[in-house]
């Protein structure tokens, strides 16, 4: 894991697989999730850290990425909330265990 200018971005197939194991959207409870990366902080064609992902349904994912009913700040707040809820669910289910 790296942060800062010129640092490598955290990538983990295990992390993404764990997020994908959550069957219900952490925001609305719908079944069938996508592993969605946070948009803020990415560059052209680049994804942010895999640690900044959320288990959300296609509808919530679309609303956060392209929706018109929320402001940009509201979309960012919703994604941040989804990331925190995803981490909480991963810990509760034992899918992420501290080293």
PDB file of N, CA and C in Angstrom:
ATOM      1  N   UNK A   1       0.841  -1.180   0.000  1.00  0.00           N
ATOM      2  CA  UNK A   1       0.000   0.000   0.000  1.00  0.00           C
ATOM      3  C   UNK A   1       0.877   1.231   0.000  1.00  0.00           C
ATOM      4  N   UNK A   2       0.494   2.196  -0.789  1.00  0.00           N
ATOM      5  CA  UNK A   2       1.284   3.409  -0.852  1.00  0.00           C
ATOM      6  C   UNK A   2       0.371   4.608  -0.993  1.00  0.00           C
ATOM      7  N   UNK A   3       0.841   5.727  -0.509  1.00  0.00           N
ATOM      8  CA  UNK A   3       0.100   6.966  -0.643  1.00  0.00           C
ATOM      9  C   UNK A   3       1.062   8.065  -1.031  1.00  0.00           C
ATOM     10  N   UNK A   4       0.515   9.173  -1.478  1.00  0.00           N
ATOM     11  CA  UNK A   4       1.362  10.312  -1.792  1.00  0.00           C
ATOM     12  C   UNK A   4       1.767  10.355  -3.250  1.00  0.00           C
ATOM     13  N   UNK A   5       2.473  11.392  -3.598  1.00  0.00           N
ATOM     14  CA  UNK A   5       2.902  11.619  -4.973  1.00  0.00           C
ATOM     15  C   UNK A   5       3.886  10.544  -5.401  1.00  0.00           C
ATOM     16  N   UNK A   6       3.645   9.953  -6.566  1.00  0.00           N
ATOM     17  CA  UNK A   6       4.546   8.957  -7.123  1.00  0.00           C
ATOM     18  C   UNK A   6       4.440   7.594  -6.470  1.00  0.00           C
ATOM     19  N   UNK A   7       3.522   7.442  -5.531  1.00  0.00           N
ATOM     20  CA  UNK A   7       3.395   6.178  -4.815  1.00  0.00           C
ATOM     21  C   UNK A   7       2.527   5.207  -5.616  1.00  0.00           C
ATOM     22  N   UNK A   8       2.741   3.930  -5.390  1.00  0.00           N
ATOM     23  CA  UNK A   8       1.935   2.888  -6.020  1.00  0.00           C
ATOM     24  C   UNK A   8       0.560   2.865  -5.358  1.00  0.00           C
ATOM     25  N   UNK A   9      -0.456   2.558  -6.134  1.00  0.00           N
ATOM     26  CA  UNK A   9      -1.812   2.447  -5.609  1.00  0.00           C
ATOM     27  C   UNK A   9      -2.040   1.033  -5.111  1.00  0.00           C
ATOM     28  N   UNK A  10      -2.700   0.889  -3.958  1.00  0.00           N
ATOM     29  CA  UNK A  10      -2.990  -0.412  -3.368  1.00  0.00           C
ATOM     30  C   UNK A  10      -3.882  -1.224  -4.288  1.00  0.00           C
ATOM     31  N   UNK A  11      -3.442  -2.408  -4.623  1.00  0.00           N
ATOM     32  CA  UNK A  11      -4.208  -3.342  -5.439  1.00  0.00           C
ATOM     33  C   UNK A  11      -4.276  -4.680  -4.722  1.00  0.00           C
ATOM     34  N   UNK A  12      -5.449  -5.259  -4.647  1.00  0.00           N
ATOM     35  CA  UNK A  12      -5.612  -6.540  -3.982  1.00  0.00           C
ATOM     36  C   UNK A  12      -6.806  -7.292  -4.553  1.00  0.00           C
ATOM     37  N   UNK A  13      -6.528  -8.373  -5.239  1.00  0.00           N
ATOM     38  CA  UNK A  13      -7.614  -9.223  -5.747  1.00  0.00           C
ATOM     39  C   UNK A  13      -8.410  -9.824  -4.593  1.00  0.00           C
ATOM     40  N   UNK A  14      -7.712 -10.139  -3.492  1.00  0.00           N
ATOM     41  CA  UNK A  14      -8.394 -10.704  -2.320  1.00  0.00           C
ATOM     42  C   UNK A  14      -9.402  -9.709  -1.747  1.00  0.00           C
ATOM     43  N   UNK A  15      -8.985  -8.452  -1.657  1.00  0.00           N
ATOM     44  CA  UNK A  15      -9.888  -7.420  -1.132  1.00  0.00           C
ATOM     45  C   UNK A  15     -11.121  -7.299  -2.028  1.00  0.00           C
ATOM     46  N   UNK A  16     -10.896  -7.199  -3.328  1.00  0.00           N
ATOM     47  CA  UNK A  16     -12.012  -7.057  -4.266  1.00  0.00           C
ATOM     48  C   UNK A  16     -12.934  -8.276  -4.210  1.00  0.00           C
ATOM     49  N   UNK A  17     -12.356  -9.463  -4.071  1.00  0.00           N
ATOM     50  CA  UNK A  17     -13.168 -10.677  -3.966  1.00  0.00           C
ATOM     51  C   UNK A  17     -14.000 -10.667  -2.687  1.00  0.00           C
ATOM     52  N   UNK A  18     -13.410 -10.198  -1.593  1.00  0.00           N
ATOM     53  CA  UNK A  18     -14.146 -10.122  -0.326  1.00  0.00           C
ATOM     54  C   UNK A  18     -15.310  -9.154  -0.442  1.00  0.00           C
ATOM     55  N   UNK A  19     -15.077  -7.992  -1.036  1.00  0.00           N
ATOM     56  CA  UNK A  19     -16.164  -7.016  -1.236  1.00  0.00           C
ATOM     57  C   UNK A  19     -17.254  -7.636  -2.104  1.00  0.00           C
ATOM     58  N   UNK A  20     -16.866  -8.357  -3.139  1.00  0.00           N
ATOM     59  CA  UNK A  20     -17.823  -8.995  -4.030  1.00  0.00           C
ATOM     60  C   UNK A  20     -18.638 -10.097  -3.372  1.00  0.00           C
ATOM     61  N   UNK A  21     -18.151 -10.626  -2.245  1.00  0.00           N
ATOM     62  CA  UNK A  21     -18.896 -11.665  -1.524  1.00  0.00           C
ATOM     63  C   UNK A  21     -20.089 -11.109  -0.761  1.00  0.00           C
ATOM     64  N   UNK A  22     -20.108  -9.810  -0.546  1.00  0.00           N
ATOM     65  CA  UNK A  22     -21.268  -9.209   0.100  1.00  0.00           C
ATOM     66  C   UNK A  22     -22.410  -9.224  -0.918  1.00  0.00           C
ATOM     67  N   UNK A  23     -23.459  -9.896  -0.609  1.00  0.00           N
ATOM     68  CA  UNK A  23     -24.528 -10.142  -1.579  1.00  0.00           C
ATOM     69  C   UNK A  23     -25.521  -9.002  -1.705  1.00  0.00           C
ATOM     70  N   UNK A  24     -25.612  -8.163  -0.670  1.00  0.00           N
ATOM     71  CA  UNK A  24     -26.602  -7.091  -0.678  1.00  0.00           C
ATOM     72  C   UNK A  24     -25.925  -5.724  -0.703  1.00  0.00           C
ATOM     73  N   UNK A  25     -26.538  -4.807  -1.409  1.00  0.00           N
ATOM     74  CA  UNK A  25     -26.058  -3.435  -1.479  1.00  0.00           C
ATOM     75  C   UNK A  25     -26.027  -2.850  -0.065  1.00  0.00           C
ATOM     76  N   UNK A  26     -24.905  -2.254   0.300  1.00  0.00           N
ATOM     77  CA  UNK A  26     -24.778  -1.677   1.639  1.00  0.00           C
ATOM     78  C   UNK A  26     -25.607  -0.412   1.804  1.00  0.00           C
ATOM     79  N   UNK A  27     -26.095   0.147   0.704  1.00  0.00           N
ATOM     80  CA  UNK A  27     -26.903   1.367   0.781  1.00  0.00           C
ATOM     81  C   UNK A  27     -28.400   1.091   0.792  1.00  0.00           C
ATOM     82  N   UNK A  28     -28.873   0.237  -0.109  1.00  0.00           N
ATOM     83  CA  UNK A  28     -30.323   0.038  -0.222  1.00  0.00           C
ATOM     84  C   UNK A  28     -30.780  -1.378   0.114  1.00  0.00           C
ATOM     85  N   UNK A  29     -29.835  -2.324   0.238  1.00  0.00           N
ATOM     86  CA  UNK A  29     -30.197  -3.696   0.583  1.00  0.00           C
ATOM     87  C   UNK A  29     -30.553  -4.589  -0.584  1.00  0.00           C
ATOM     88  N   UNK A  30     -30.530  -4.061  -1.807  1.00  0.00           N
ATOM     89  CA  UNK A  30     -30.852  -4.872  -2.983  1.00  0.00           C
ATOM     90  C   UNK A  30     -29.819  -5.980  -3.165  1.00  0.00           C
ATOM     91  N   UNK A  31     -30.270  -7.120  -3.658  1.00  0.00           N
ATOM     92  CA  UNK A  31     -29.354  -8.215  -3.943  1.00  0.00           C
ATOM     93  C   UNK A  31     -28.673  -7.983  -5.286  1.00  0.00           C
ATOM     94  N   UNK A  32     -27.435  -8.452  -5.394  1.00  0.00           N
ATOM     95  CA  UNK A  32     -26.653  -8.310  -6.617  1.00  0.00           C
ATOM     96  C   UNK A  32     -25.820  -7.050  -6.570  1.00  0.00           C
ATOM     97  N   UNK A  33     -24.560  -7.197  -6.168  1.00  0.00           N
ATOM     98  CA  UNK A  33     -23.711  -6.015  -6.005  1.00  0.00           C
ATOM     99  C   UNK A  33     -22.606  -5.950  -7.053  1.00  0.00           C
ATOM    100  N   UNK A  34     -22.121  -4.756  -7.220  1.00  0.00           N
ATOM    101  CA  UNK A  34     -20.920  -4.492  -8.007  1.00  0.00           C
ATOM    102  C   UNK A  34     -19.873  -3.961  -7.036  1.00  0.00           C
ATOM    103  N   UNK A  35     -18.614  -4.246  -7.325  1.00  0.00           N
ATOM    104  CA  UNK A  35     -17.525  -3.687  -6.532  1.00  0.00           C
ATOM    105  C   UNK A  35     -17.180  -2.345  -7.174  1.00  0.00           C
ATOM    106  N   UNK A  36     -17.575  -1.277  -6.513  1.00  0.00           N
ATOM    107  CA  UNK A  36     -17.439   0.064  -7.075  1.00  0.00           C
ATOM    108  C   UNK A  36     -16.290   0.820  -6.409  1.00  0.00           C
ATOM    109  N   UNK A  37     -15.409   1.371  -7.230  1.00  0.00           N
ATOM    110  CA  UNK A  37     -14.310   2.202  -6.735  1.00  0.00           C
ATOM    111  C   UNK A  37     -14.788   3.634  -6.532  1.00  0.00           C
ATOM    112  N   UNK A  38     -14.207   4.303  -5.587  1.00  0.00           N
ATOM    113  CA  UNK A  38     -14.461   5.728  -5.359  1.00  0.00           C
ATOM    114  C   UNK A  38     -13.929   6.504  -6.560  1.00  0.00           C
ATOM    115  N   UNK A  39     -14.666   7.467  -7.021  1.00  0.00           N
ATOM    116  CA  UNK A  39     -14.252   8.258  -8.183  1.00  0.00           C
ATOM    117  C   UNK A  39     -13.312   9.393  -7.828  1.00  0.00           C
ATOM    118  N   UNK A  40     -13.517  10.013  -6.705  1.00  0.00           N
ATOM    119  CA  UNK A  40     -12.722  11.173  -6.317  1.00  0.00           C
ATOM    120  C   UNK A  40     -11.270  10.773  -6.112  1.00  0.00           C
ATOM    121  N   UNK A  41     -10.353  11.546  -6.691  1.00  0.00           N
ATOM    122  CA  UNK A  41      -8.927  11.296  -6.501  1.00  0.00           C
ATOM    123  C   UNK A  41      -8.287  10.441  -7.570  1.00  0.00           C
ATOM    124  N   UNK A  42      -9.078   9.982  -8.541  1.00  0.00           N
ATOM    125  CA  UNK A  42      -8.499   9.160  -9.599  1.00  0.00           C
ATOM    126  C   UNK A  42      -8.066  10.042 -10.761  1.00  0.00           C
ATOM    127  N   UNK A  43      -7.189   9.497 -11.562  1.00  0.00           N
ATOM    128  CA  UNK A  43      -6.764  10.204 -12.757  1.00  0.00           C
ATOM    129  C   UNK A  43      -7.463   9.634 -13.972  1.00  0.00           C
ATOM    130  N   UNK A  44      -7.208  10.197 -15.102  1.00  0.00           N
ATOM    131  CA  UNK A  44      -7.823   9.761 -16.349  1.00  0.00           C
ATOM    132  C   UNK A  44      -7.560   8.274 -16.582  1.00  0.00           C
ATOM    133  N   UNK A  45      -8.614   7.482 -16.574  1.00  0.00           N
ATOM    134  CA  UNK A  45      -8.481   6.053 -16.826  1.00  0.00           C
ATOM    135  C   UNK A  45      -7.877   5.255 -15.690  1.00  0.00           C
ATOM    136  N   UNK A  46      -7.704   5.869 -14.526  1.00  0.00           N
ATOM    137  CA  UNK A  46      -7.097   5.186 -13.388  1.00  0.00           C
ATOM    138  C   UNK A  46      -8.110   5.023 -12.266  1.00  0.00           C
ATOM    139  N   UNK A  47      -8.033   3.926 -11.575  1.00  0.00           N
ATOM    140  CA  UNK A  47      -8.879   3.678 -10.418  1.00  0.00           C
ATOM    141  C   UNK A  47      -8.098   4.047  -9.160  1.00  0.00           C
ATOM    142  N   UNK A  48      -8.829   4.456  -8.126  1.00  0.00           N
ATOM    143  CA  UNK A  48      -8.202   4.721  -6.838  1.00  0.00           C
ATOM    144  C   UNK A  48      -7.872   3.390  -6.169  1.00  0.00           C
ATOM    145  N   UNK A  49      -7.342   3.454  -4.988  1.00  0.00           N
ATOM    146  CA  UNK A  49      -6.983   2.273  -4.210  1.00  0.00           C
ATOM    147  C   UNK A  49      -8.133   1.277  -4.145  1.00  0.00           C
ATOM    148  N   UNK A  50      -7.811  -0.008  -4.232  1.00  0.00           N
ATOM    149  CA  UNK A  50      -8.824  -1.047  -4.093  1.00  0.00           C
ATOM    150  C   UNK A  50      -9.472  -1.015  -2.707  1.00  0.00           C
ATOM    151  N   UNK A  51      -8.783  -0.457  -1.718  1.00  0.00           N
ATOM    152  CA  UNK A  51      -9.354  -0.346  -0.378  1.00  0.00           C
ATOM    153  C   UNK A  51     -10.532   0.623  -0.349  1.00  0.00           C
ATOM    154  N   UNK A  52     -10.626   1.490  -1.345  1.00  0.00           N
ATOM    155  CA  UNK A  52     -11.716   2.467  -1.410  1.00  0.00           C
ATOM    156  C   UNK A  52     -12.804   1.974  -2.359  1.00  0.00           C
ATOM    157  N   UNK A  53     -13.345   0.797  -2.038  1.00  0.00           N
ATOM    158  CA  UNK A  53     -14.401   0.188  -2.838  1.00  0.00           C
ATOM    159  C   UNK A  53     -15.615  -0.079  -1.969  1.00  0.00           C
ATOM    160  N   UNK A  54     -16.760  -0.201  -2.626  1.00  0.00           N
ATOM    161  CA  UNK A  54     -18.006  -0.461  -1.913  1.00  0.00           C
ATOM    162  C   UNK A  54     -18.813  -1.523  -2.642  1.00  0.00           C
ATOM    163  N   UNK A  55     -19.572  -2.289  -1.868  1.00  0.00           N
ATOM    164  CA  UNK A  55     -20.486  -3.293  -2.410  1.00  0.00           C
ATOM    165  C   UNK A  55     -21.838  -2.620  -2.604  1.00  0.00           C
ATOM    166  N   UNK A  56     -22.105  -2.159  -3.833  1.00  0.00           N
ATOM    167  CA  UNK A  56     -23.359  -1.468  -4.108  1.00  0.00           C
ATOM    168  C   UNK A  56     -24.029  -2.058  -5.354  1.00  0.00           C
ATOM    169  N   UNK A  57     -25.344  -1.931  -5.400  1.00  0.00           N
ATOM    170  CA  UNK A  57     -26.102  -2.463  -6.528  1.00  0.00           C
ATOM    171  C   UNK A  57     -25.901  -1.573  -7.757  1.00  0.00           C
ATOM    172  N   UNK A  58     -26.231  -2.087  -8.936  1.00  0.00           N
ATOM    173  CA  UNK A  58     -26.078  -1.278 -10.149  1.00  0.00           C
ATOM    174  C   UNK A  58     -26.829   0.050 -10.102  1.00  0.00           C
ATOM    175  N   UNK A  59     -27.997   0.069  -9.488  1.00  0.00           N
ATOM    176  CA  UNK A  59     -28.785   1.305  -9.414  1.00  0.00           C
ATOM    177  C   UNK A  59     -28.078   2.362  -8.561  1.00  0.00           C
ATOM    178  N   UNK A  60     -27.617   1.973  -7.371  1.00  0.00           N
ATOM    179  CA  UNK A  60     -26.894   2.911  -6.507  1.00  0.00           C
ATOM    180  C   UNK A  60     -25.580   3.336  -7.154  1.00  0.00           C
ATOM    181  N   UNK A  61     -24.908   2.395  -7.820  1.00  0.00           N
ATOM    182  CA  UNK A  61     -23.651   2.698  -8.503  1.00  0.00           C
ATOM    183  C   UNK A  61     -23.886   3.760  -9.577  1.00  0.00           C
ATOM    184  N   UNK A  62     -24.931   3.581 -10.366  1.00  0.00           N
ATOM    185  CA  UNK A  62     -25.241   4.555 -11.415  1.00  0.00           C
ATOM    186  C   UNK A  62     -25.562   5.924 -10.811  1.00  0.00           C
ATOM    187  N   UNK A  63     -26.347   5.929  -9.752  1.00  0.00           N
ATOM    188  CA  UNK A  63     -26.727   7.206  -9.125  1.00  0.00           C
ATOM    189  C   UNK A  63     -25.498   7.940  -8.594  1.00  0.00           C
ATOM    190  N   UNK A  64     -24.554   7.207  -8.022  1.00  0.00           N
ATOM    191  CA  UNK A  64     -23.339   7.826  -7.489  1.00  0.00           C
ATOM    192  C   UNK A  64     -22.436   8.320  -8.622  1.00  0.00           C
ATOM    193  N   UNK A  65     -22.299   7.525  -9.662  1.00  0.00           N
ATOM    194  CA  UNK A  65     -21.390   7.893 -10.753  1.00  0.00           C
ATOM    195  C   UNK A  65     -21.994   8.882 -11.741  1.00  0.00           C
ATOM    196  N   UNK A  66     -23.264   8.715 -12.073  1.00  0.00           N
ATOM    197  CA  UNK A  66     -23.855   9.485 -13.169  1.00  0.00           C
ATOM    198  C   UNK A  66     -25.203  10.116 -12.857  1.00  0.00           C
ATOM    199  N   UNK A  67     -25.683   9.944 -11.639  1.00  0.00           N
ATOM    200  CA  UNK A  67     -27.016  10.420 -11.306  1.00  0.00           C
ATOM    201  C   UNK A  67     -27.162  11.930 -11.379  1.00  0.00           C
ATOM    202  N   UNK A  68     -28.398  12.354 -11.545  1.00  0.00           N
ATOM    203  CA  UNK A  68     -28.681  13.785 -11.660  1.00  0.00           C
ATOM    204  C   UNK A  68     -29.519  14.307 -10.498  1.00  0.00           C
ATOM    205  N   UNK A  69     -29.941  13.426  -9.597  1.00  0.00           N
ATOM    206  CA  UNK A  69     -30.783  13.868  -8.489  1.00  0.00           C
ATOM    207  C   UNK A  69     -29.980  14.343  -7.287  1.00  0.00           C
ATOM    208  N   UNK A  70     -28.685  14.060  -7.263  1.00  0.00           N
ATOM    209  CA  UNK A  70     -27.822  14.475  -6.153  1.00  0.00           C
ATOM    210  C   UNK A  70     -26.742  15.421  -6.658  1.00  0.00           C
ATOM    211  N   UNK A  71     -26.287  16.291  -5.779  1.00  0.00           N
ATOM    212  CA  UNK A  71     -25.157  17.149  -6.133  1.00  0.00           C
ATOM    213  C   UNK A  71     -23.883  16.315  -6.128  1.00  0.00           C
ATOM    214  N   UNK A  72     -22.798  16.862  -6.660  1.00  0.00           N
ATOM    215  CA  UNK A  72     -21.516  16.160  -6.649  1.00  0.00           C
ATOM    216  C   UNK A  72     -21.097  15.841  -5.218  1.00  0.00           C
ATOM    217  N   UNK A  73     -21.260  16.793  -4.312  1.00  0.00           N
ATOM    218  CA  UNK A  73     -20.892  16.557  -2.915  1.00  0.00           C
ATOM    219  C   UNK A  73     -21.764  15.477  -2.281  1.00  0.00           C
ATOM    220  N   UNK A  74     -23.043  15.461  -2.592  1.00  0.00           N
ATOM    221  CA  UNK A  74     -23.927  14.421  -2.063  1.00  0.00           C
ATOM    222  C   UNK A  74     -23.550  13.049  -2.607  1.00  0.00           C
ATOM    223  N   UNK A  75     -23.190  12.981  -3.885  1.00  0.00           N
ATOM    224  CA  UNK A  75     -22.746  11.698  -4.465  1.00  0.00           C
ATOM    225  C   UNK A  75     -21.469  11.224  -3.778  1.00  0.00           C
ATOM    226  N   UNK A  76     -20.532  12.128  -3.530  1.00  0.00           N
ATOM    227  CA  UNK A  76     -19.281  11.757  -2.849  1.00  0.00           C
ATOM    228  C   UNK A  76     -19.555  11.297  -1.422  1.00  0.00           C
ATOM    229  N   UNK A  77     -20.439  11.997  -0.730  1.00  0.00           N
ATOM    230  CA  UNK A  77     -20.796  11.599   0.637  1.00  0.00           C
ATOM    231  C   UNK A  77     -21.440  10.219   0.658  1.00  0.00           C
ATOM    232  N   UNK A  78     -22.301   9.944  -0.311  1.00  0.00           N
ATOM    233  CA  UNK A  78     -22.959   8.642  -0.382  1.00  0.00           C
ATOM    234  C   UNK A  78     -21.941   7.529  -0.648  1.00  0.00           C
ATOM    235  N   UNK A  79     -20.970   7.787  -1.525  1.00  0.00           N
ATOM    236  CA  UNK A  79     -19.943   6.779  -1.790  1.00  0.00           C
ATOM    237  C   UNK A  79     -19.070   6.567  -0.567  1.00  0.00           C
ATOM    238  N   UNK A  80     -18.697   7.642   0.107  1.00  0.00           N
ATOM    239  CA  UNK A  80     -17.896   7.499   1.322  1.00  0.00           C
ATOM    240  C   UNK A  80     -18.644   6.672   2.366  1.00  0.00           C
ATOM    241  N   UNK A  81     -19.939   6.918   2.506  1.00  0.00           N
ATOM    242  CA  UNK A  81     -20.752   6.141   3.441  1.00  0.00           C
ATOM    243  C   UNK A  81     -20.775   4.670   3.026  1.00  0.00           C
ATOM    244  N   UNK A  82     -20.916   4.413   1.738  1.00  0.00           N
ATOM    245  CA  UNK A  82     -20.939   3.035   1.238  1.00  0.00           C
ATOM    246  C   UNK A  82     -19.618   2.324   1.514  1.00  0.00           C
ATOM    247  N   UNK A  83     -18.504   3.030   1.380  1.00  0.00           N
ATOM    248  CA  UNK A  83     -17.194   2.424   1.663  1.00  0.00           C
ATOM    249  C   UNK A  83     -17.092   2.042   3.132  1.00  0.00           C
ATOM    250  N   UNK A  84     -17.503   2.944   4.017  1.00  0.00           N
ATOM    251  CA  UNK A  84     -17.452   2.656   5.453  1.00  0.00           C
ATOM    252  C   UNK A  84     -18.358   1.481   5.788  1.00  0.00           C
ATOM    253  N   UNK A  85     -19.567   1.465   5.251  1.00  0.00           N
ATOM    254  CA  UNK A  85     -20.487   0.350   5.504  1.00  0.00           C
ATOM    255  C   UNK A  85     -19.943  -0.965   4.964  1.00  0.00           C
ATOM    256  N   UNK A  86     -19.263  -0.913   3.828  1.00  0.00           N
ATOM    257  CA  UNK A  86     -18.651  -2.118   3.254  1.00  0.00           C
ATOM    258  C   UNK A  86     -17.578  -2.660   4.184  1.00  0.00           C
ATOM    259  N   UNK A  87     -16.721  -1.788   4.682  1.00  0.00           N
ATOM    260  CA  UNK A  87     -15.666  -2.220   5.613  1.00  0.00           C
ATOM    261  C   UNK A  87     -16.289  -2.818   6.868  1.00  0.00           C
ATOM    262  N   UNK A  88     -17.352  -2.194   7.359  1.00  0.00           N
ATOM    263  CA  UNK A  88     -18.041  -2.716   8.540  1.00  0.00           C
ATOM    264  C   UNK A  88     -18.583  -4.120   8.284  1.00  0.00           C
ATOM    265  N   UNK A  89     -19.246  -4.313   7.142  1.00  0.00           N
ATOM    266  CA  UNK A  89     -19.810  -5.637   6.816  1.00  0.00           C
ATOM    267  C   UNK A  89     -18.715  -6.684   6.619  1.00  0.00           C
ATOM    268  N   UNK A  90     -17.603  -6.285   5.984  1.00  0.00           N
ATOM    269  CA  UNK A  90     -16.489  -7.224   5.805  1.00  0.00           C
ATOM    270  C   UNK A  90     -15.962  -7.684   7.150  1.00  0.00           C
ATOM    271  N   UNK A  91     -15.824  -6.775   8.086  1.00  0.00           N
ATOM    272  CA  UNK A  91     -15.322  -7.128   9.422  1.00  0.00           C
ATOM    273  C   UNK A  91     -16.330  -8.006  10.159  1.00  0.00           C
ATOM    274  N   UNK A  92     -17.608  -7.641  10.100  1.00  0.00           N
ATOM    275  CA  UNK A  92     -18.638  -8.413  10.783  1.00  0.00           C
ATOM    276  C   UNK A  92     -18.721  -9.858  10.286  1.00  0.00           C
ATOM    277  N   UNK A  93     -18.501 -10.040   9.002  1.00  0.00           N
ATOM    278  CA  UNK A  93     -18.586 -11.386   8.410  1.00  0.00           C
ATOM    279  C   UNK A  93     -17.271 -12.136   8.459  1.00  0.00           C
ATOM    280  N   UNK A  94     -16.233 -11.512   9.010  1.00  0.00           N
ATOM    281  CA  UNK A  94     -14.940 -12.167   9.108  1.00  0.00           C
ATOM    282  C   UNK A  94     -14.219 -12.285   7.788  1.00  0.00           C
ATOM    283  N   UNK A  95     -14.602 -11.474   6.805  1.00  0.00           N
ATOM    284  CA  UNK A  95     -13.958 -11.528   5.501  1.00  0.00           C
ATOM    285  C   UNK A  95     -12.656 -10.728   5.475  1.00  0.00           C
ATOM    286  N   UNK A  96     -12.499  -9.837   6.445  1.00  0.00           N
ATOM    287  CA  UNK A  96     -11.259  -9.077   6.614  1.00  0.00           C
ATOM    288  C   UNK A  96     -10.875  -9.182   8.075  1.00  0.00           C
ATOM    289  N   UNK A  97      -9.708  -9.711   8.326  1.00  0.00           N
ATOM    290  CA  UNK A  97      -9.248  -9.906   9.686  1.00  0.00           C
ATOM    291  C   UNK A  97      -7.928  -9.178   9.868  1.00  0.00           C
ATOM    292  N   UNK A  98      -7.791  -8.381  10.933  1.00  0.00           N
ATOM    293  CA  UNK A  98      -6.531  -7.667  11.146  1.00  0.00           C
ATOM    294  C   UNK A  98      -5.358  -8.636  11.272  1.00  0.00           C
ATOM    295  N   UNK A  99      -4.226  -8.218  10.789  1.00  0.00           N
ATOM    296  CA  UNK A  99      -3.024  -9.065  10.859  1.00  0.00           C
ATOM    297  C   UNK A  99      -2.450  -9.072  12.255  1.00  0.00           C
TER     298      UNK A  99
END
